[in-house]
Amino acid sequence: NKKLTDFHITKQMLEEYPMGYKLMLLTIARRFKSVSRAFLNFLDLPSLYISICEEYNQMKNAKYFSDILNDLEKIAIISLHNVERDIFLTLSDIPANQLAMYLEKNLKQKRRDKPYFL
């Protein structure tokens, strides 16, 4: 079983990503955990991303949804695929549940250290 550190993304890289990236990756990871497919439909993400932004008191990041997705694709964490009229998303070779656990722990720790960090 591969671990987060076995991939081109390191824990240090995740810690250094802007808050919007972390929230988007958490959105994607949680969605992958709830489905048993190797891809997500792009349309499944916006409402979940807004919910996660609310959960972490980061509504200002919600408006950058498309920009953040494009940035994550540029750095090869996700891939967006056009198939007919749909857009599908795949995650770099990272276990979604491990990514979600790490990000949730990281974000909760920041919230504990600085209750109003967000």
PDB file of N, CA and C in Angstrom:
ATOM      1  N   ASN A   1       0.844  -1.194   0.000  1.00  0.00           N
ATOM      2  CA  ASN A   1       0.000   0.000   0.000  1.00  0.00           C
ATOM      3  C   ASN A   1       0.886   1.253   0.000  1.00  0.00           C
ATOM      4  N   LYS A   2       0.672   2.104  -0.959  1.00  0.00           N
ATOM      5  CA  LYS A   2       1.495   3.302  -1.066  1.00  0.00           C
ATOM      6  C   LYS A   2       1.081   4.336  -0.033  1.00  0.00           C
ATOM      7  N   LYS A   3       2.020   5.135   0.374  1.00  0.00           N
ATOM      8  CA  LYS A   3       1.757   6.214   1.320  1.00  0.00           C
ATOM      9  C   LYS A   3       1.895   7.538   0.595  1.00  0.00           C
ATOM     10  N   LEU A   4       1.385   8.593   1.210  1.00  0.00           N
ATOM     11  CA  LEU A   4       1.405   9.920   0.613  1.00  0.00           C
ATOM     12  C   LEU A   4       2.812  10.313   0.167  1.00  0.00           C
ATOM     13  N   THR A   5       3.805   9.931   0.938  1.00  0.00           N
ATOM     14  CA  THR A   5       5.172  10.323   0.622  1.00  0.00           C
ATOM     15  C   THR A   5       5.774   9.528  -0.530  1.00  0.00           C
ATOM     16  N   ASP A   6       5.091   8.486  -1.017  1.00  0.00           N
ATOM     17  CA  ASP A   6       5.601   7.697  -2.138  1.00  0.00           C
ATOM     18  C   ASP A   6       5.383   8.381  -3.484  1.00  0.00           C
ATOM     19  N   PHE A   7       4.694   9.492  -3.505  1.00  0.00           N
ATOM     20  CA  PHE A   7       4.340  10.156  -4.747  1.00  0.00           C
ATOM     21  C   PHE A   7       5.128  11.443  -4.898  1.00  0.00           C
ATOM     22  N   HIS A   8       4.903  12.107  -6.009  1.00  0.00           N
ATOM     23  CA  HIS A   8       5.643  13.341  -6.239  1.00  0.00           C
ATOM     24  C   HIS A   8       5.161  14.485  -5.353  1.00  0.00           C
ATOM     25  N   ILE A   9       4.104  14.280  -4.602  1.00  0.00           N
ATOM     26  CA  ILE A   9       3.628  15.280  -3.648  1.00  0.00           C
ATOM     27  C   ILE A   9       4.119  14.868  -2.271  1.00  0.00           C
ATOM     28  N   THR A  10       4.736  15.791  -1.586  1.00  0.00           N
ATOM     29  CA  THR A  10       5.204  15.502  -0.237  1.00  0.00           C
ATOM     30  C   THR A  10       4.321  16.218   0.772  1.00  0.00           C
ATOM     31  N   LYS A  11       4.425  15.804   2.018  1.00  0.00           N
ATOM     32  CA  LYS A  11       3.671  16.475   3.078  1.00  0.00           C
ATOM     33  C   LYS A  11       4.091  17.936   3.175  1.00  0.00           C
ATOM     34  N   GLN A  12       5.370  18.189   2.986  1.00  0.00           N
ATOM     35  CA  GLN A  12       5.858  19.571   3.040  1.00  0.00           C
ATOM     36  C   GLN A  12       5.210  20.413   1.941  1.00  0.00           C
ATOM     37  N   MET A  13       5.085  19.845   0.748  1.00  0.00           N
ATOM     38  CA  MET A  13       4.432  20.577  -0.342  1.00  0.00           C
ATOM     39  C   MET A  13       2.989  20.893   0.025  1.00  0.00           C
ATOM     40  N   LEU A  14       2.290  19.905   0.582  1.00  0.00           N
ATOM     41  CA  LEU A  14       0.896  20.126   0.973  1.00  0.00           C
ATOM     42  C   LEU A  14       0.785  21.228   2.019  1.00  0.00           C
ATOM     43  N   GLU A  15       1.704  21.235   2.968  1.00  0.00           N
ATOM     44  CA  GLU A  15       1.674  22.263   4.009  1.00  0.00           C
ATOM     45  C   GLU A  15       1.906  23.653   3.432  1.00  0.00           C
ATOM     46  N   GLU A  16       2.681  23.734   2.364  1.00  0.00           N
ATOM     47  CA  GLU A  16       3.010  25.031   1.776  1.00  0.00           C
ATOM     48  C   GLU A  16       1.965  25.527   0.782  1.00  0.00           C
ATOM     49  N   TYR A  17       1.070  24.660   0.348  1.00  0.00           N
ATOM     50  CA  TYR A  17       0.043  25.093  -0.603  1.00  0.00           C
ATOM     51  C   TYR A  17      -0.858  26.139   0.037  1.00  0.00           C
ATOM     52  N   PRO A  18      -1.380  27.053  -0.769  1.00  0.00           N
ATOM     53  CA  PRO A  18      -2.339  28.036  -0.246  1.00  0.00           C
ATOM     54  C   PRO A  18      -3.593  27.327   0.279  1.00  0.00           C
ATOM     55  N   MET A  19      -4.300  28.012   1.141  1.00  0.00           N
ATOM     56  CA  MET A  19      -5.496  27.440   1.759  1.00  0.00           C
ATOM     57  C   MET A  19      -6.497  26.948   0.710  1.00  0.00           C
ATOM     58  N   GLY A  20      -6.696  27.698  -0.357  1.00  0.00           N
ATOM     59  CA  GLY A  20      -7.648  27.292  -1.392  1.00  0.00           C
ATOM     60  C   GLY A  20      -7.290  25.952  -2.016  1.00  0.00           C
ATOM     61  N   TYR A  21      -6.001  25.701  -2.235  1.00  0.00           N
ATOM     62  CA  TYR A  21      -5.552  24.419  -2.788  1.00  0.00           C
ATOM     63  C   TYR A  21      -5.881  23.286  -1.811  1.00  0.00           C
ATOM     64  N   LYS A  22      -5.586  23.518  -0.525  1.00  0.00           N
ATOM     65  CA  LYS A  22      -5.850  22.487   0.477  1.00  0.00           C
ATOM     66  C   LYS A  22      -7.335  22.158   0.535  1.00  0.00           C
ATOM     67  N   LEU A  23      -8.159  23.195   0.507  1.00  0.00           N
ATOM     68  CA  LEU A  23      -9.601  22.971   0.569  1.00  0.00           C
ATOM     69  C   LEU A  23     -10.103  22.242  -0.677  1.00  0.00           C
ATOM     70  N   MET A  24      -9.561  22.577  -1.842  1.00  0.00           N
ATOM     71  CA  MET A  24      -9.965  21.894  -3.076  1.00  0.00           C
ATOM     72  C   MET A  24      -9.515  20.435  -3.050  1.00  0.00           C
ATOM     73  N   LEU A  25      -8.293  20.191  -2.608  1.00  0.00           N
ATOM     74  CA  LEU A  25      -7.816  18.808  -2.517  1.00  0.00           C
ATOM     75  C   LEU A  25      -8.645  18.008  -1.518  1.00  0.00           C
ATOM     76  N   LEU A  26      -9.044  18.646  -0.426  1.00  0.00           N
ATOM     77  CA  LEU A  26      -9.909  17.974   0.539  1.00  0.00           C
ATOM     78  C   LEU A  26     -11.269  17.671  -0.091  1.00  0.00           C
ATOM     79  N   THR A  27     -11.790  18.607  -0.860  1.00  0.00           N
ATOM     80  CA  THR A  27     -13.053  18.399  -1.576  1.00  0.00           C
ATOM     81  C   THR A  27     -12.955  17.180  -2.486  1.00  0.00           C
ATOM     82  N   ILE A  28     -11.901  17.149  -3.281  1.00  0.00           N
ATOM     83  CA  ILE A  28     -11.705  16.056  -4.237  1.00  0.00           C
ATOM     84  C   ILE A  28     -11.512  14.729  -3.505  1.00  0.00           C
ATOM     85  N   ALA A  29     -10.687  14.746  -2.463  1.00  0.00           N
ATOM     86  CA  ALA A  29     -10.420  13.514  -1.712  1.00  0.00           C
ATOM     87  C   ALA A  29     -11.689  12.983  -1.054  1.00  0.00           C
ATOM     88  N   ARG A  30     -12.471  13.864  -0.446  1.00  0.00           N
ATOM     89  CA  ARG A  30     -13.719  13.410   0.184  1.00  0.00           C
ATOM     90  C   ARG A  30     -14.679  12.835  -0.849  1.00  0.00           C
ATOM     91  N   ARG A  31     -14.738  13.467  -2.009  1.00  0.00           N
ATOM     92  CA  ARG A  31     -15.645  12.976  -3.056  1.00  0.00           C
ATOM     93  C   ARG A  31     -15.195  11.602  -3.554  1.00  0.00           C
ATOM     94  N   PHE A  32     -13.882  11.435  -3.747  1.00  0.00           N
ATOM     95  CA  PHE A  32     -13.373  10.128  -4.170  1.00  0.00           C
ATOM     96  C   PHE A  32     -13.662   9.060  -3.117  1.00  0.00           C
ATOM     97  N   LYS A  33     -13.599   9.436  -1.840  1.00  0.00           N
ATOM     98  CA  LYS A  33     -13.898   8.475  -0.778  1.00  0.00           C
ATOM     99  C   LYS A  33     -15.339   7.990  -0.853  1.00  0.00           C
ATOM    100  N   SER A  34     -16.234   8.852  -1.310  1.00  0.00           N
ATOM    101  CA  SER A  34     -17.658   8.505  -1.305  1.00  0.00           C
ATOM    102  C   SER A  34     -18.120   7.792  -2.581  1.00  0.00           C
ATOM    103  N   VAL A  35     -17.270   7.723  -3.590  1.00  0.00           N
ATOM    104  CA  VAL A  35     -17.618   7.014  -4.826  1.00  0.00           C
ATOM    105  C   VAL A  35     -16.575   5.929  -5.070  1.00  0.00           C
ATOM    106  N   SER A  36     -16.940   4.926  -5.800  1.00  0.00           N
ATOM    107  CA  SER A  36     -15.979   3.844  -6.064  1.00  0.00           C
ATOM    108  C   SER A  36     -15.595   3.833  -7.540  1.00  0.00           C
ATOM    109  N   ARG A  37     -15.177   4.998  -8.014  1.00  0.00           N
ATOM    110  CA  ARG A  37     -14.728   5.123  -9.408  1.00  0.00           C
ATOM    111  C   ARG A  37     -13.342   5.767  -9.416  1.00  0.00           C
ATOM    112  N   ALA A  38     -12.690   5.676 -10.539  1.00  0.00           N
ATOM    113  CA  ALA A  38     -11.356   6.260 -10.685  1.00  0.00           C
ATOM    114  C   ALA A  38     -11.417   7.699 -11.180  1.00  0.00           C
ATOM    115  N   PHE A  39     -12.622   8.230 -11.346  1.00  0.00           N
ATOM    116  CA  PHE A  39     -12.775   9.597 -11.839  1.00  0.00           C
ATOM    117  C   PHE A  39     -14.005  10.227 -11.198  1.00  0.00           C
ATOM    118  N   LEU A  40     -14.053  11.551 -11.222  1.00  0.00           N
ATOM    119  CA  LEU A  40     -15.197  12.311 -10.716  1.00  0.00           C
ATOM    120  C   LEU A  40     -15.769  13.151 -11.835  1.00  0.00           C
ATOM    121  N   ASN A  41     -17.060  13.374 -11.792  1.00  0.00           N
ATOM    122  CA  ASN A  41     -17.670  14.332 -12.703  1.00  0.00           C
ATOM    123  C   ASN A  41     -17.431  15.723 -12.128  1.00  0.00           C
ATOM    124  N   PHE A  42     -16.924  16.602 -12.945  1.00  0.00           N
ATOM    125  CA  PHE A  42     -16.621  17.978 -12.556  1.00  0.00           C
ATOM    126  C   PHE A  42     -17.810  18.643 -11.861  1.00  0.00           C
ATOM    127  N   LEU A  43     -19.017  18.345 -12.315  1.00  0.00           N
ATOM    128  CA  LEU A  43     -20.214  18.994 -11.773  1.00  0.00           C
ATOM    129  C   LEU A  43     -20.521  18.583 -10.334  1.00  0.00           C
ATOM    130  N   ASP A  44     -19.889  17.518  -9.855  1.00  0.00           N
ATOM    131  CA  ASP A  44     -20.087  17.089  -8.466  1.00  0.00           C
ATOM    132  C   ASP A  44     -19.339  17.971  -7.470  1.00  0.00           C
ATOM    133  N   LEU A  45     -18.394  18.747  -7.943  1.00  0.00           N
ATOM    134  CA  LEU A  45     -17.476  19.425  -7.031  1.00  0.00           C
ATOM    135  C   LEU A  45     -17.888  20.799  -6.508  1.00  0.00           C
ATOM    136  N   PRO A  46     -18.467  21.692  -7.307  1.00  0.00           N
ATOM    137  CA  PRO A  46     -18.689  23.059  -6.797  1.00  0.00           C
ATOM    138  C   PRO A  46     -19.469  23.138  -5.488  1.00  0.00           C
ATOM    139  N   SER A  47     -20.566  22.416  -5.365  1.00  0.00           N
ATOM    140  CA  SER A  47     -21.358  22.515  -4.131  1.00  0.00           C
ATOM    141  C   SER A  47     -20.599  21.927  -2.943  1.00  0.00           C
ATOM    142  N   LEU A  48     -19.856  20.854  -3.162  1.00  0.00           N
ATOM    143  CA  LEU A  48     -19.058  20.272  -2.081  1.00  0.00           C
ATOM    144  C   LEU A  48     -17.929  21.220  -1.678  1.00  0.00           C
ATOM    145  N   TYR A  49     -17.307  21.865  -2.652  1.00  0.00           N
ATOM    146  CA  TYR A  49     -16.239  22.826  -2.349  1.00  0.00           C
ATOM    147  C   TYR A  49     -16.782  23.980  -1.504  1.00  0.00           C
ATOM    148  N   ILE A  50     -17.948  24.480  -1.854  1.00  0.00           N
ATOM    149  CA  ILE A  50     -18.556  25.565  -1.076  1.00  0.00           C
ATOM    150  C   ILE A  50     -18.831  25.093   0.354  1.00  0.00           C
ATOM    151  N   SER A  51     -19.315  23.870   0.508  1.00  0.00           N
ATOM    152  CA  SER A  51     -19.574  23.324   1.849  1.00  0.00           C
ATOM    153  C   SER A  51     -18.296  23.239   2.671  1.00  0.00           C
ATOM    154  N   ILE A  52     -17.213  22.806   2.035  1.00  0.00           N
ATOM    155  CA  ILE A  52     -15.942  22.694   2.753  1.00  0.00           C
ATOM    156  C   ILE A  52     -15.385  24.078   3.070  1.00  0.00           C
ATOM    157  N   CYS A  53     -15.549  25.023   2.165  1.00  0.00           N
ATOM    158  CA  CYS A  53     -15.136  26.403   2.460  1.00  0.00           C
ATOM    159  C   CYS A  53     -15.907  26.937   3.664  1.00  0.00           C
ATOM    160  N   GLU A  54     -17.192  26.629   3.744  1.00  0.00           N
ATOM    161  CA  GLU A  54     -17.996  27.039   4.908  1.00  0.00           C
ATOM    162  C   GLU A  54     -17.503  26.346   6.173  1.00  0.00           C
ATOM    163  N   GLU A  55     -17.209  25.061   6.060  1.00  0.00           N
ATOM    164  CA  GLU A  55     -16.748  24.287   7.216  1.00  0.00           C
ATOM    165  C   GLU A  55     -15.495  24.901   7.830  1.00  0.00           C
ATOM    166  N   TYR A  56     -14.610  25.411   6.983  1.00  0.00           N
ATOM    167  CA  TYR A  56     -13.355  25.990   7.462  1.00  0.00           C
ATOM    168  C   TYR A  56     -13.367  27.519   7.440  1.00  0.00           C
ATOM    169  N   ASN A  57     -14.556  28.107   7.361  1.00  0.00           N
ATOM    170  CA  ASN A  57     -14.721  29.559   7.400  1.00  0.00           C
ATOM    171  C   ASN A  57     -13.857  30.257   6.347  1.00  0.00           C
ATOM    172  N   GLN A  58     -13.906  29.742   5.115  1.00  0.00           N
ATOM    173  CA  GLN A  58     -13.083  30.255   4.019  1.00  0.00           C
ATOM    174  C   GLN A  58     -13.914  30.580   2.789  1.00  0.00           C
ATOM    175  N   MET A  59     -15.048  31.213   2.982  1.00  0.00           N
ATOM    176  CA  MET A  59     -15.925  31.505   1.845  1.00  0.00           C
ATOM    177  C   MET A  59     -15.245  32.382   0.794  1.00  0.00           C
ATOM    178  N   LYS A  60     -14.246  33.153   1.188  1.00  0.00           N
ATOM    179  CA  LYS A  60     -13.540  33.987   0.202  1.00  0.00           C
ATOM    180  C   LYS A  60     -12.852  33.132  -0.863  1.00  0.00           C
ATOM    181  N   ASN A  61     -12.489  31.899  -0.533  1.00  0.00           N
ATOM    182  CA  ASN A  61     -11.854  31.001  -1.506  1.00  0.00           C
ATOM    183  C   ASN A  61     -12.847  30.380  -2.473  1.00  0.00           C
ATOM    184  N   ALA A  62     -14.119  30.354  -2.107  1.00  0.00           N
ATOM    185  CA  ALA A  62     -15.128  29.680  -2.930  1.00  0.00           C
ATOM    186  C   ALA A  62     -15.213  30.278  -4.330  1.00  0.00           C
ATOM    187  N   LYS A  63     -14.977  31.563  -4.455  1.00  0.00           N
ATOM    188  CA  LYS A  63     -15.100  32.202  -5.771  1.00  0.00           C
ATOM    189  C   LYS A  63     -13.943  31.859  -6.712  1.00  0.00           C
ATOM    190  N   TYR A  64     -12.893  31.260  -6.204  1.00  0.00           N
ATOM    191  CA  TYR A  64     -11.727  30.915  -7.032  1.00  0.00           C
ATOM    192  C   TYR A  64     -11.729  29.448  -7.455  1.00  0.00           C
ATOM    193  N   PHE A  65     -12.877  28.813  -7.402  1.00  0.00           N
ATOM    194  CA  PHE A  65     -13.010  27.387  -7.710  1.00  0.00           C
ATOM    195  C   PHE A  65     -12.300  27.007  -9.014  1.00  0.00           C
ATOM    196  N   SER A  66     -12.647  27.655 -10.108  1.00  0.00           N
ATOM    197  CA  SER A  66     -12.074  27.303 -11.420  1.00  0.00           C
ATOM    198  C   SER A  66     -10.584  27.578 -11.478  1.00  0.00           C
ATOM    199  N   ASP A  67     -10.155  28.701 -10.917  1.00  0.00           N
ATOM    200  CA  ASP A  67      -8.725  29.039 -10.921  1.00  0.00           C
ATOM    201  C   ASP A  67      -7.912  27.995 -10.158  1.00  0.00           C
ATOM    202  N   ILE A  68      -8.423  27.591  -9.011  1.00  0.00           N
ATOM    203  CA  ILE A  68      -7.706  26.606  -8.197  1.00  0.00           C
ATOM    204  C   ILE A  68      -7.634  25.261  -8.922  1.00  0.00           C
ATOM    205  N   LEU A  69      -8.734  24.837  -9.521  1.00  0.00           N
ATOM    206  CA  LEU A  69      -8.711  23.575 -10.277  1.00  0.00           C
ATOM    207  C   LEU A  69      -7.686  23.631 -11.402  1.00  0.00           C
ATOM    208  N   ASN A  70      -7.657  24.733 -12.128  1.00  0.00           N
ATOM    209  CA  ASN A  70      -6.678  24.880 -13.219  1.00  0.00           C
ATOM    210  C   ASN A  70      -5.255  24.852 -12.688  1.00  0.00           C
ATOM    211  N   ASP A  71      -5.011  25.516 -11.557  1.00  0.00           N
ATOM    212  CA  ASP A  71      -3.669  25.511 -10.964  1.00  0.00           C
ATOM    213  C   ASP A  71      -3.257  24.101 -10.546  1.00  0.00           C
ATOM    214  N   LEU A  72      -4.176  23.358  -9.946  1.00  0.00           N
ATOM    215  CA  LEU A  72      -3.860  21.989  -9.529  1.00  0.00           C
ATOM    216  C   LEU A  72      -3.584  21.091 -10.732  1.00  0.00           C
ATOM    217  N   GLU A  73      -4.247  21.376 -11.844  1.00  0.00           N
ATOM    218  CA  GLU A  73      -3.959  20.607 -13.060  1.00  0.00           C
ATOM    219  C   GLU A  73      -2.578  20.971 -13.603  1.00  0.00           C
ATOM    220  N   LYS A  74      -2.222  22.240 -13.556  1.00  0.00           N
ATOM    221  CA  LYS A  74      -0.903  22.670 -14.051  1.00  0.00           C
ATOM    222  C   LYS A  74       0.234  22.023 -13.279  1.00  0.00           C
ATOM    223  N   ILE A  75       0.045  21.810 -11.973  1.00  0.00           N
ATOM    224  CA  ILE A  75       1.115  21.195 -11.181  1.00  0.00           C
ATOM    225  C   ILE A  75       0.944  19.673 -11.085  1.00  0.00           C
ATOM    226  N   ALA A  76       0.068  19.131 -11.926  1.00  0.00           N
ATOM    227  CA  ALA A  76      -0.090  17.681 -12.135  1.00  0.00           C
ATOM    228  C   ALA A  76      -0.583  16.909 -10.913  1.00  0.00           C
ATOM    229  N   ILE A  77      -1.395  17.555 -10.082  1.00  0.00           N
ATOM    230  CA  ILE A  77      -2.010  16.826  -8.977  1.00  0.00           C
ATOM    231  C   ILE A  77      -3.315  16.201  -9.447  1.00  0.00           C
ATOM    232  N   ILE A  78      -4.011  16.914 -10.327  1.00  0.00           N
ATOM    233  CA  ILE A  78      -5.241  16.398 -10.916  1.00  0.00           C
ATOM    234  C   ILE A  78      -5.125  16.477 -12.428  1.00  0.00           C
ATOM    235  N   SER A  79      -6.010  15.757 -13.093  1.00  0.00           N
ATOM    236  CA  SER A  79      -6.136  15.859 -14.546  1.00  0.00           C
ATOM    237  C   SER A  79      -7.604  16.059 -14.866  1.00  0.00           C
ATOM    238  N   LEU A  80      -7.873  16.980 -15.785  1.00  0.00           N
ATOM    239  CA  LEU A  80      -9.233  17.214 -16.252  1.00  0.00           C
ATOM    240  C   LEU A  80      -9.350  16.637 -17.654  1.00  0.00           C
ATOM    241  N   HIS A  81     -10.412  15.887 -17.904  1.00  0.00           N
ATOM    242  CA  HIS A  81     -10.605  15.213 -19.183  1.00  0.00           C
ATOM    243  C   HIS A  81     -11.972  15.571 -19.749  1.00  0.00           C
ATOM    244  N   ASN A  82     -12.001  16.068 -20.974  1.00  0.00           N
ATOM    245  CA  ASN A  82     -13.264  16.338 -21.664  1.00  0.00           C
ATOM    246  C   ASN A  82     -13.710  15.070 -22.378  1.00  0.00           C
ATOM    247  N   VAL A  83     -14.887  14.587 -22.031  1.00  0.00           N
ATOM    248  CA  VAL A  83     -15.463  13.408 -22.671  1.00  0.00           C
ATOM    249  C   VAL A  83     -16.866  13.794 -23.113  1.00  0.00           C
ATOM    250  N   GLU A  84     -17.016  13.927 -24.416  1.00  0.00           N
ATOM    251  CA  GLU A  84     -18.257  14.424 -25.006  1.00  0.00           C
ATOM    252  C   GLU A  84     -18.602  15.762 -24.369  1.00  0.00           C
ATOM    253  N   ARG A  85     -19.708  15.840 -23.637  1.00  0.00           N
ATOM    254  CA  ARG A  85     -20.079  17.121 -23.033  1.00  0.00           C
ATOM    255  C   ARG A  85     -19.761  17.186 -21.546  1.00  0.00           C
ATOM    256  N   ASP A  86     -19.102  16.186 -21.041  1.00  0.00           N
ATOM    257  CA  ASP A  86     -18.775  16.137 -19.619  1.00  0.00           C
ATOM    258  C   ASP A  86     -17.292  16.396 -19.397  1.00  0.00           C
ATOM    259  N   ILE A  87     -16.985  16.849 -18.201  1.00  0.00           N
ATOM    260  CA  ILE A  87     -15.590  17.011 -17.786  1.00  0.00           C
ATOM    261  C   ILE A  87     -15.383  16.087 -16.592  1.00  0.00           C
ATOM    262  N   PHE A  88     -14.388  15.212 -16.704  1.00  0.00           N
ATOM    263  CA  PHE A  88     -14.075  14.291 -15.622  1.00  0.00           C
ATOM    264  C   PHE A  88     -12.734  14.657 -15.021  1.00  0.00           C
ATOM    265  N   LEU A  89     -12.604  14.370 -13.748  1.00  0.00           N
ATOM    266  CA  LEU A  89     -11.396  14.700 -13.013  1.00  0.00           C
ATOM    267  C   LEU A  89     -10.799  13.416 -12.461  1.00  0.00           C
ATOM    268  N   THR A  90      -9.492  13.280 -12.588  1.00  0.00           N
ATOM    269  CA  THR A  90      -8.778  12.181 -11.946  1.00  0.00           C
ATOM    270  C   THR A  90      -7.724  12.783 -11.033  1.00  0.00           C
ATOM    271  N   LEU A  91      -7.432  12.070  -9.981  1.00  0.00           N
ATOM    272  CA  LEU A  91      -6.459  12.516  -8.987  1.00  0.00           C
ATOM    273  C   LEU A  91      -5.140  11.815  -9.264  1.00  0.00           C
ATOM    274  N   SER A  92      -4.059  12.543  -9.088  1.00  0.00           N
ATOM    275  CA  SER A  92      -2.735  11.944  -9.212  1.00  0.00           C
ATOM    276  C   SER A  92      -2.705  10.698  -8.332  1.00  0.00           C
ATOM    277  N   ASP A  93      -1.778   9.853  -8.528  1.00  0.00           N
ATOM    278  CA  ASP A  93      -1.739   8.543  -7.874  1.00  0.00           C
ATOM    279  C   ASP A  93      -1.566   8.665  -6.357  1.00  0.00           C
ATOM    280  N   ILE A  94      -2.593   9.219  -5.712  1.00  0.00           N
ATOM    281  CA  ILE A  94      -2.588   9.431  -4.267  1.00  0.00           C
ATOM    282  C   ILE A  94      -3.854   8.793  -3.701  1.00  0.00           C
ATOM    283  N   PRO A  95      -3.762   7.996  -2.656  1.00  0.00           N
ATOM    284  CA  PRO A  95      -4.971   7.434  -2.053  1.00  0.00           C
ATOM    285  C   PRO A  95      -5.842   8.551  -1.468  1.00  0.00           C
ATOM    286  N   ALA A  96      -7.078   8.631  -1.914  1.00  0.00           N
ATOM    287  CA  ALA A  96      -7.968   9.718  -1.500  1.00  0.00           C
ATOM    288  C   ALA A  96      -8.199   9.734   0.006  1.00  0.00           C
ATOM    289  N   ASN A  97      -8.391   8.561   0.605  1.00  0.00           N
ATOM    290  CA  ASN A  97      -8.658   8.576   2.043  1.00  0.00           C
ATOM    291  C   ASN A  97      -7.442   9.023   2.840  1.00  0.00           C
ATOM    292  N   GLN A  98      -6.257   8.690   2.390  1.00  0.00           N
ATOM    293  CA  GLN A  98      -5.047   9.136   3.081  1.00  0.00           C
ATOM    294  C   GLN A  98      -4.865  10.644   2.913  1.00  0.00           C
ATOM    295  N   LEU A  99      -5.122  11.149   1.721  1.00  0.00           N
ATOM    296  CA  LEU A  99      -5.028  12.585   1.472  1.00  0.00           C
ATOM    297  C   LEU A  99      -6.043  13.335   2.328  1.00  0.00           C
ATOM    298  N   ALA A 100      -7.273  12.852   2.379  1.00  0.00           N
ATOM    299  CA  ALA A 100      -8.315  13.504   3.184  1.00  0.00           C
ATOM    300  C   ALA A 100      -7.934  13.508   4.662  1.00  0.00           C
ATOM    301  N   MET A 101      -7.472  12.371   5.166  1.00  0.00           N
ATOM    302  CA  MET A 101      -7.083  12.302   6.585  1.00  0.00           C
ATOM    303  C   MET A 101      -5.965  13.282   6.895  1.00  0.00           C
ATOM    304  N   TYR A 102      -4.959  13.337   6.021  1.00  0.00           N
ATOM    305  CA  TYR A 102      -3.841  14.239   6.263  1.00  0.00           C
ATOM    306  C   TYR A 102      -4.299  15.699   6.251  1.00  0.00           C
ATOM    307  N   LEU A 103      -5.082  16.081   5.242  1.00  0.00           N
ATOM    308  CA  LEU A 103      -5.531  17.472   5.140  1.00  0.00           C
ATOM    309  C   LEU A 103      -6.448  17.850   6.298  1.00  0.00           C
ATOM    310  N   GLU A 104      -7.351  16.966   6.677  1.00  0.00           N
ATOM    311  CA  GLU A 104      -8.238  17.259   7.807  1.00  0.00           C
ATOM    312  C   GLU A 104      -7.440  17.450   9.086  1.00  0.00           C
ATOM    313  N   LYS A 105      -6.466  16.586   9.310  1.00  0.00           N
ATOM    314  CA  LYS A 105      -5.617  16.706  10.501  1.00  0.00           C
ATOM    315  C   LYS A 105      -4.840  18.021  10.464  1.00  0.00           C
ATOM    316  N   ASN A 106      -4.269  18.345   9.314  1.00  0.00           N
ATOM    317  CA  ASN A 106      -3.495  19.574   9.144  1.00  0.00           C
ATOM    318  C   ASN A 106      -4.359  20.807   9.386  1.00  0.00           C
ATOM    319  N   LEU A 107      -5.542  20.835   8.794  1.00  0.00           N
ATOM    320  CA  LEU A 107      -6.423  21.993   8.938  1.00  0.00           C
ATOM    321  C   LEU A 107      -6.973  22.107  10.357  1.00  0.00           C
ATOM    322  N   LYS A 108      -7.287  20.988  10.991  1.00  0.00           N
ATOM    323  CA  LYS A 108      -7.770  21.026  12.379  1.00  0.00           C
ATOM    324  C   LYS A 108      -6.679  21.509  13.318  1.00  0.00           C
ATOM    325  N   GLN A 109      -5.447  21.089  13.068  1.00  0.00           N
ATOM    326  CA  GLN A 109      -4.327  21.533  13.906  1.00  0.00           C
ATOM    327  C   GLN A 109      -4.147  23.038  13.791  1.00  0.00           C
ATOM    328  N   LYS A 110      -4.230  23.563  12.581  1.00  0.00           N
ATOM    329  CA  LYS A 110      -4.102  25.011  12.400  1.00  0.00           C
ATOM    330  C   LYS A 110      -5.226  25.738  13.115  1.00  0.00           C
ATOM    331  N   ARG A 111      -6.420  25.179  13.043  1.00  0.00           N
ATOM    332  CA  ARG A 111      -7.560  25.809  13.709  1.00  0.00           C
ATOM    333  C   ARG A 111      -7.360  25.782  15.224  1.00  0.00           C
ATOM    334  N   ARG A 112      -6.797  24.704  15.748  1.00  0.00           N
ATOM    335  CA  ARG A 112      -6.554  24.581  17.181  1.00  0.00           C
ATOM    336  C   ARG A 112      -5.480  25.567  17.631  1.00  0.00           C
ATOM    337  N   ASP A 113      -4.416  25.687  16.832  1.00  0.00           N
ATOM    338  CA  ASP A 113      -3.325  26.598  17.181  1.00  0.00           C
ATOM    339  C   ASP A 113      -3.760  28.053  17.124  1.00  0.00           C
ATOM    340  N   LYS A 114      -4.553  28.385  16.133  1.00  0.00           N
ATOM    341  CA  LYS A 114      -5.032  29.756  15.937  1.00  0.00           C
ATOM    342  C   LYS A 114      -6.517  29.674  15.611  1.00  0.00           C
ATOM    343  N   PRO A 115      -7.374  29.796  16.591  1.00  0.00           N
ATOM    344  CA  PRO A 115      -8.808  29.610  16.332  1.00  0.00           C
ATOM    345  C   PRO A 115      -9.359  30.479  15.206  1.00  0.00           C
ATOM    346  N   TYR A 116      -8.742  31.601  14.949  1.00  0.00           N
ATOM    347  CA  TYR A 116      -9.255  32.485  13.904  1.00  0.00           C
ATOM    348  C   TYR A 116      -8.294  32.581  12.733  1.00  0.00           C
ATOM    349  N   PHE A 117      -7.513  31.502  12.510  1.00  0.00           N
ATOM    350  CA  PHE A 117      -6.514  31.537  11.428  1.00  0.00           C
ATOM    351  C   PHE A 117      -7.160  31.655  10.071  1.00  0.00           C
ATOM    352  N   LEU A 118      -8.383  31.198   9.944  1.00  0.00           N
ATOM    353  CA  LEU A 118      -9.044  31.174   8.646  1.00  0.00           C
ATOM    354  C   LEU A 118      -9.787  32.420   8.388  1.00  0.00           C
TER     355      LEU A 118
END
